[in-house]
Amino acid sequence: MISKLAAPLAVLFSGLIFAGPVWAHAHLKVASPPEGAIVNSSTSSPVTLTFTEGLEPAYSTIAVTDEAGQPVPTGAATVGPEDASALSAMPTRPLSPGIYKVNWHVLSKDGHSTSGSYRFTVTP
């Protein structure tokens, strides 16, 4: 009886071991400013998101909106030349005090897309 189960169990377990890369997606690893952060309005820096995998630049975006849902003008989202897993967009003007939402959508090098959002606050 055990020998009849050994082969199917071996196939099942080997399938689970090697299936990991099939499930891979670019997940957000680090955000700057971080989720829930409170940053000073005098600080002007890009929104930079680092993912768990390399990204396809042509299909990866960052959009920032204010509390009213109005778009915040930014430069084009770019993938870092040294790090293909980092995506950045620089606001074209300093952010006024308030709550901002970062929406992102990325396509990883392996062809899987993911998206998400988070908020941060700017203080005077």
N, C-alpha and C. Protein backbone atom coordinates (compact mmCIF):
# COMPACT_ATOMS: atom_id res chain seq x y z
N MET A 1 0.82 -1.19 0.00
CA MET A 1 0.00 0.00 0.00
C MET A 1 0.87 1.26 0.00
N ILE A 2 1.92 1.25 0.77
CA ILE A 2 2.80 2.42 0.82
C ILE A 2 3.45 2.67 -0.53
N SER A 3 3.87 1.62 -1.22
CA SER A 3 4.52 1.81 -2.51
C SER A 3 3.55 2.38 -3.54
N LYS A 4 2.26 2.10 -3.41
CA LYS A 4 1.27 2.66 -4.34
C LYS A 4 1.10 4.17 -4.11
N LEU A 5 1.33 4.64 -2.90
CA LEU A 5 1.20 6.06 -2.60
C LEU A 5 2.49 6.83 -2.83
N ALA A 6 3.62 6.14 -2.82
CA ALA A 6 4.91 6.82 -2.91
C ALA A 6 5.06 7.60 -4.21
N ALA A 7 4.74 7.01 -5.32
CA ALA A 7 4.92 7.69 -6.61
C ALA A 7 4.02 8.92 -6.74
N PRO A 8 2.71 8.83 -6.44
CA PRO A 8 1.87 10.03 -6.54
C PRO A 8 2.30 11.13 -5.58
N LEU A 9 2.72 10.76 -4.37
CA LEU A 9 3.18 11.76 -3.41
C LEU A 9 4.47 12.43 -3.88
N ALA A 10 5.37 11.66 -4.47
CA ALA A 10 6.61 12.23 -4.99
C ALA A 10 6.32 13.24 -6.10
N VAL A 11 5.38 12.91 -6.97
CA VAL A 11 5.01 13.82 -8.05
C VAL A 11 4.38 15.09 -7.47
N LEU A 12 3.50 14.94 -6.50
CA LEU A 12 2.84 16.08 -5.87
C LEU A 12 3.86 17.01 -5.22
N PHE A 13 4.76 16.46 -4.41
CA PHE A 13 5.74 17.28 -3.71
C PHE A 13 6.73 17.93 -4.66
N SER A 14 7.16 17.23 -5.70
CA SER A 14 8.08 17.85 -6.65
C SER A 14 7.38 18.97 -7.40
N GLY A 15 6.10 18.81 -7.68
CA GLY A 15 5.34 19.87 -8.33
C GLY A 15 5.25 21.11 -7.46
N LEU A 16 5.06 20.93 -6.16
CA LEU A 16 5.00 22.06 -5.24
C LEU A 16 6.35 22.77 -5.13
N ILE A 17 7.41 22.01 -5.13
CA ILE A 17 8.76 22.58 -5.01
C ILE A 17 9.09 23.43 -6.22
N PHE A 18 8.81 22.94 -7.41
CA PHE A 18 9.19 23.64 -8.63
C PHE A 18 8.15 24.64 -9.12
N ALA A 19 7.00 24.72 -8.48
CA ALA A 19 5.94 25.64 -8.91
C ALA A 19 6.18 27.05 -8.40
N GLY A 20 7.09 27.27 -7.48
CA GLY A 20 7.35 28.59 -6.92
C GLY A 20 7.53 29.67 -7.95
N PRO A 21 8.43 29.53 -8.92
CA PRO A 21 8.62 30.58 -9.91
C PRO A 21 7.39 30.87 -10.76
N VAL A 22 6.51 29.91 -10.92
CA VAL A 22 5.30 30.13 -11.70
C VAL A 22 4.40 31.13 -11.00
N TRP A 23 4.42 31.14 -9.68
CA TRP A 23 3.57 32.04 -8.91
C TRP A 23 4.22 33.39 -8.66
N ALA A 24 5.41 33.63 -9.15
CA ALA A 24 6.15 34.85 -8.86
C ALA A 24 5.47 36.06 -9.48
N HIS A 25 5.43 37.14 -8.74
CA HIS A 25 4.92 38.43 -9.17
C HIS A 25 5.81 39.49 -8.55
N ALA A 26 5.79 40.68 -9.11
CA ALA A 26 6.53 41.79 -8.53
C ALA A 26 5.70 42.39 -7.40
N HIS A 27 6.09 42.12 -6.17
CA HIS A 27 5.40 42.65 -5.00
C HIS A 27 6.18 43.84 -4.47
N LEU A 28 5.44 44.83 -3.95
CA LEU A 28 6.07 46.00 -3.38
C LEU A 28 6.87 45.60 -2.15
N LYS A 29 8.16 45.94 -2.18
CA LYS A 29 9.06 45.60 -1.08
C LYS A 29 9.32 46.82 -0.19
N VAL A 30 9.63 47.97 -0.82
CA VAL A 30 9.95 49.19 -0.08
C VAL A 30 9.34 50.37 -0.82
N ALA A 31 8.76 51.30 -0.06
CA ALA A 31 8.21 52.53 -0.65
C ALA A 31 8.83 53.74 0.04
N SER A 32 9.08 54.79 -0.76
CA SER A 32 9.59 56.04 -0.22
C SER A 32 8.84 57.19 -0.89
N PRO A 33 8.06 57.97 -0.15
CA PRO A 33 7.85 57.85 1.28
C PRO A 33 7.07 56.57 1.60
N PRO A 34 7.29 56.04 2.80
CA PRO A 34 6.63 54.79 3.17
C PRO A 34 5.13 54.97 3.41
N GLU A 35 4.43 53.87 3.37
CA GLU A 35 3.00 53.88 3.68
C GLU A 35 2.78 54.46 5.06
N GLY A 36 1.85 55.41 5.16
CA GLY A 36 1.51 56.02 6.45
C GLY A 36 2.51 57.05 6.93
N ALA A 37 3.54 57.36 6.16
CA ALA A 37 4.58 58.30 6.58
C ALA A 37 4.02 59.71 6.71
N ILE A 38 4.66 60.49 7.56
CA ILE A 38 4.40 61.91 7.69
C ILE A 38 5.68 62.61 7.28
N VAL A 39 5.62 63.36 6.19
CA VAL A 39 6.82 64.03 5.66
C VAL A 39 6.61 65.53 5.66
N ASN A 40 7.71 66.27 5.71
CA ASN A 40 7.68 67.72 5.73
C ASN A 40 7.51 68.27 4.33
N SER A 41 6.68 69.30 4.17
CA SER A 41 6.41 69.85 2.84
C SER A 41 7.63 70.51 2.21
N SER A 42 8.63 70.86 3.03
CA SER A 42 9.83 71.49 2.47
C SER A 42 10.75 70.47 1.81
N THR A 43 10.48 69.20 2.05
CA THR A 43 11.28 68.13 1.45
C THR A 43 10.70 67.77 0.09
N SER A 44 11.49 67.92 -0.93
CA SER A 44 11.04 67.54 -2.27
C SER A 44 11.84 66.33 -2.73
N SER A 45 11.16 65.21 -2.83
CA SER A 45 11.85 63.99 -3.24
C SER A 45 10.91 63.14 -4.08
N PRO A 46 11.47 62.25 -4.86
CA PRO A 46 10.61 61.41 -5.71
C PRO A 46 9.85 60.37 -4.89
N VAL A 47 8.78 59.87 -5.47
CA VAL A 47 8.12 58.69 -4.96
C VAL A 47 8.87 57.53 -5.59
N THR A 48 9.48 56.69 -4.76
CA THR A 48 10.27 55.57 -5.26
C THR A 48 9.74 54.28 -4.66
N LEU A 49 9.44 53.34 -5.54
CA LEU A 49 8.91 52.03 -5.13
C LEU A 49 9.88 50.96 -5.58
N THR A 50 10.24 50.08 -4.68
CA THR A 50 11.14 48.97 -5.01
C THR A 50 10.36 47.67 -4.88
N PHE A 51 10.46 46.84 -5.90
CA PHE A 51 9.69 45.61 -5.97
C PHE A 51 10.60 44.39 -5.83
N THR A 52 9.98 43.23 -5.71
CA THR A 52 10.72 41.98 -5.50
C THR A 52 11.29 41.41 -6.79
N GLU A 53 10.94 42.01 -7.94
CA GLU A 53 11.43 41.53 -9.24
C GLU A 53 11.71 42.71 -10.14
N GLY A 54 12.45 42.47 -11.21
CA GLY A 54 12.69 43.49 -12.22
C GLY A 54 11.40 43.84 -12.95
N LEU A 55 11.31 45.09 -13.43
CA LEU A 55 10.09 45.60 -14.04
C LEU A 55 10.29 45.90 -15.53
N GLU A 56 9.19 45.85 -16.26
CA GLU A 56 9.15 46.29 -17.65
C GLU A 56 8.80 47.78 -17.63
N PRO A 57 9.75 48.67 -17.96
CA PRO A 57 9.51 50.11 -17.82
C PRO A 57 8.30 50.62 -18.61
N ALA A 58 8.08 50.13 -19.80
CA ALA A 58 6.99 50.64 -20.65
C ALA A 58 5.61 50.35 -20.08
N TYR A 59 5.50 49.40 -19.16
CA TYR A 59 4.21 49.00 -18.63
C TYR A 59 4.10 49.16 -17.12
N SER A 60 4.94 50.02 -16.55
CA SER A 60 4.95 50.24 -15.10
C SER A 60 4.72 51.71 -14.81
N THR A 61 3.75 52.02 -13.95
CA THR A 61 3.38 53.41 -13.70
C THR A 61 3.20 53.72 -12.21
N ILE A 62 3.37 55.00 -11.90
CA ILE A 62 3.05 55.54 -10.59
C ILE A 62 2.16 56.76 -10.82
N ALA A 63 1.07 56.86 -10.08
CA ALA A 63 0.21 58.05 -10.13
C ALA A 63 -0.02 58.50 -8.69
N VAL A 64 0.10 59.80 -8.46
CA VAL A 64 -0.12 60.38 -7.14
C VAL A 64 -1.34 61.29 -7.22
N THR A 65 -2.24 61.16 -6.24
CA THR A 65 -3.41 62.02 -6.18
C THR A 65 -3.49 62.67 -4.81
N ASP A 66 -4.16 63.84 -4.75
CA ASP A 66 -4.34 64.51 -3.46
C ASP A 66 -5.60 64.01 -2.77
N GLU A 67 -5.95 64.64 -1.64
CA GLU A 67 -7.11 64.20 -0.85
C GLU A 67 -8.40 64.20 -1.65
N ALA A 68 -8.53 65.14 -2.59
CA ALA A 68 -9.75 65.25 -3.39
C ALA A 68 -9.73 64.32 -4.60
N GLY A 69 -8.65 63.54 -4.74
CA GLY A 69 -8.55 62.63 -5.87
C GLY A 69 -8.00 63.28 -7.13
N GLN A 70 -7.53 64.52 -6.99
CA GLN A 70 -6.97 65.23 -8.14
C GLN A 70 -5.55 64.76 -8.40
N PRO A 71 -5.18 64.53 -9.65
CA PRO A 71 -3.82 64.08 -9.96
C PRO A 71 -2.78 65.12 -9.58
N VAL A 72 -1.67 64.64 -9.06
CA VAL A 72 -0.51 65.48 -8.78
C VAL A 72 0.43 65.32 -9.97
N PRO A 73 0.79 66.45 -10.62
CA PRO A 73 1.70 66.32 -11.76
C PRO A 73 3.05 65.75 -11.34
N THR A 74 3.52 64.76 -12.07
CA THR A 74 4.83 64.17 -11.83
C THR A 74 5.53 64.00 -13.17
N GLY A 75 6.82 63.86 -13.10
CA GLY A 75 7.55 63.48 -14.29
C GLY A 75 7.20 62.03 -14.62
N ALA A 76 7.66 61.58 -15.75
CA ALA A 76 7.39 60.20 -16.15
C ALA A 76 7.99 59.22 -15.14
N ALA A 77 7.29 58.13 -14.89
CA ALA A 77 7.81 57.08 -14.02
C ALA A 77 8.96 56.38 -14.75
N THR A 78 10.06 56.22 -14.04
CA THR A 78 11.23 55.59 -14.66
C THR A 78 11.74 54.44 -13.80
N VAL A 79 12.26 53.44 -14.47
CA VAL A 79 12.89 52.31 -13.79
C VAL A 79 14.37 52.65 -13.65
N GLY A 80 14.92 52.40 -12.47
CA GLY A 80 16.32 52.74 -12.21
C GLY A 80 17.28 52.03 -13.14
N PRO A 81 18.28 52.75 -13.64
CA PRO A 81 19.24 52.14 -14.55
C PRO A 81 20.10 51.04 -13.90
N GLU A 82 20.37 51.19 -12.60
CA GLU A 82 21.17 50.18 -11.91
C GLU A 82 20.31 49.11 -11.26
N ASP A 83 19.05 49.43 -11.01
CA ASP A 83 18.16 48.51 -10.31
C ASP A 83 16.83 48.44 -11.05
N ALA A 84 16.62 47.39 -11.82
CA ALA A 84 15.41 47.24 -12.62
C ALA A 84 14.17 46.95 -11.78
N SER A 85 14.33 46.84 -10.46
CA SER A 85 13.17 46.61 -9.60
C SER A 85 12.69 47.90 -8.94
N ALA A 86 13.36 49.05 -9.21
CA ALA A 86 12.99 50.33 -8.60
C ALA A 86 12.30 51.22 -9.62
N LEU A 87 11.15 51.76 -9.24
CA LEU A 87 10.36 52.64 -10.09
C LEU A 87 10.19 53.96 -9.36
N SER A 88 10.47 55.09 -10.04
CA SER A 88 10.39 56.41 -9.40
C SER A 88 9.63 57.40 -10.26
N ALA A 89 8.98 58.35 -9.59
CA ALA A 89 8.33 59.48 -10.26
C ALA A 89 8.49 60.70 -9.36
N MET A 90 8.94 61.80 -9.94
CA MET A 90 9.18 63.04 -9.19
C MET A 90 8.04 64.02 -9.38
N PRO A 91 7.38 64.47 -8.28
CA PRO A 91 6.37 65.52 -8.43
C PRO A 91 7.01 66.76 -9.06
N THR A 92 6.27 67.42 -9.93
CA THR A 92 6.82 68.59 -10.62
C THR A 92 6.73 69.86 -9.77
N ARG A 93 6.06 69.78 -8.64
CA ARG A 93 5.98 70.91 -7.71
C ARG A 93 6.03 70.36 -6.29
N PRO A 94 6.43 71.20 -5.32
CA PRO A 94 6.40 70.73 -3.93
C PRO A 94 4.97 70.38 -3.53
N LEU A 95 4.83 69.37 -2.72
CA LEU A 95 3.50 68.94 -2.27
C LEU A 95 3.02 69.82 -1.13
N SER A 96 1.80 70.30 -1.23
CA SER A 96 1.18 71.08 -0.18
C SER A 96 0.81 70.15 0.97
N PRO A 97 0.63 70.70 2.18
CA PRO A 97 0.19 69.84 3.28
C PRO A 97 -1.12 69.14 2.94
N GLY A 98 -1.20 67.89 3.31
CA GLY A 98 -2.40 67.11 3.06
C GLY A 98 -2.08 65.63 2.96
N ILE A 99 -3.08 64.86 2.60
CA ILE A 99 -2.93 63.41 2.46
C ILE A 99 -2.85 63.09 0.97
N TYR A 100 -1.91 62.22 0.62
CA TYR A 100 -1.70 61.84 -0.78
C TYR A 100 -1.81 60.33 -0.91
N LYS A 101 -2.29 59.93 -2.07
CA LYS A 101 -2.41 58.50 -2.38
C LYS A 101 -1.50 58.18 -3.55
N VAL A 102 -0.74 57.12 -3.40
CA VAL A 102 0.13 56.63 -4.46
C VAL A 102 -0.52 55.38 -5.04
N ASN A 103 -0.80 55.40 -6.33
CA ASN A 103 -1.34 54.24 -7.04
C ASN A 103 -0.24 53.73 -7.97
N TRP A 104 -0.03 52.44 -7.97
CA TRP A 104 1.00 51.88 -8.86
C TRP A 104 0.46 50.66 -9.58
N HIS A 105 1.01 50.48 -10.75
CA HIS A 105 0.71 49.30 -11.56
C HIS A 105 2.01 48.93 -12.26
N VAL A 106 2.45 47.69 -12.08
CA VAL A 106 3.72 47.28 -12.69
C VAL A 106 3.57 45.94 -13.42
N LEU A 107 4.42 45.79 -14.40
CA LEU A 107 4.54 44.52 -15.11
C LEU A 107 5.95 44.02 -14.86
N SER A 108 6.06 42.83 -14.28
CA SER A 108 7.38 42.28 -13.98
C SER A 108 7.99 41.68 -15.24
N LYS A 109 9.29 41.46 -15.20
CA LYS A 109 10.02 40.90 -16.34
C LYS A 109 9.47 39.53 -16.74
N ASP A 110 8.85 38.83 -15.78
CA ASP A 110 8.30 37.50 -16.11
C ASP A 110 6.88 37.58 -16.68
N GLY A 111 6.37 38.81 -16.90
CA GLY A 111 5.08 38.98 -17.55
C GLY A 111 3.87 39.07 -16.65
N HIS A 112 4.05 39.08 -15.33
CA HIS A 112 2.92 39.18 -14.42
C HIS A 112 2.72 40.64 -14.00
N SER A 113 1.47 41.08 -13.97
CA SER A 113 1.20 42.44 -13.53
C SER A 113 0.60 42.43 -12.12
N THR A 114 0.94 43.46 -11.38
CA THR A 114 0.39 43.66 -10.04
C THR A 114 0.13 45.15 -9.88
N SER A 115 -0.73 45.49 -8.93
CA SER A 115 -1.01 46.90 -8.66
C SER A 115 -1.38 47.06 -7.20
N GLY A 116 -1.36 48.30 -6.77
CA GLY A 116 -1.71 48.58 -5.40
C GLY A 116 -1.69 50.07 -5.13
N SER A 117 -1.93 50.44 -3.89
CA SER A 117 -1.92 51.84 -3.51
C SER A 117 -1.62 51.96 -2.02
N TYR A 118 -1.22 53.16 -1.63
CA TYR A 118 -1.03 53.46 -0.21
C TYR A 118 -1.09 54.97 -0.05
N ARG A 119 -1.14 55.42 1.19
CA ARG A 119 -1.24 56.85 1.49
C ARG A 119 -0.08 57.31 2.38
N PHE A 120 0.23 58.59 2.23
CA PHE A 120 1.17 59.26 3.14
C PHE A 120 0.68 60.69 3.35
N THR A 121 1.20 61.35 4.37
CA THR A 121 0.76 62.69 4.74
C THR A 121 1.93 63.66 4.63
N VAL A 122 1.63 64.87 4.14
CA VAL A 122 2.61 65.95 4.08
C VAL A 122 2.16 67.00 5.09
N THR A 123 3.10 67.44 5.95
CA THR A 123 2.82 68.46 6.95
C THR A 123 3.58 69.74 6.61
N PRO A 124 3.11 70.88 7.16
CA PRO A 124 3.82 72.15 6.90
C PRO A 124 5.21 72.18 7.49
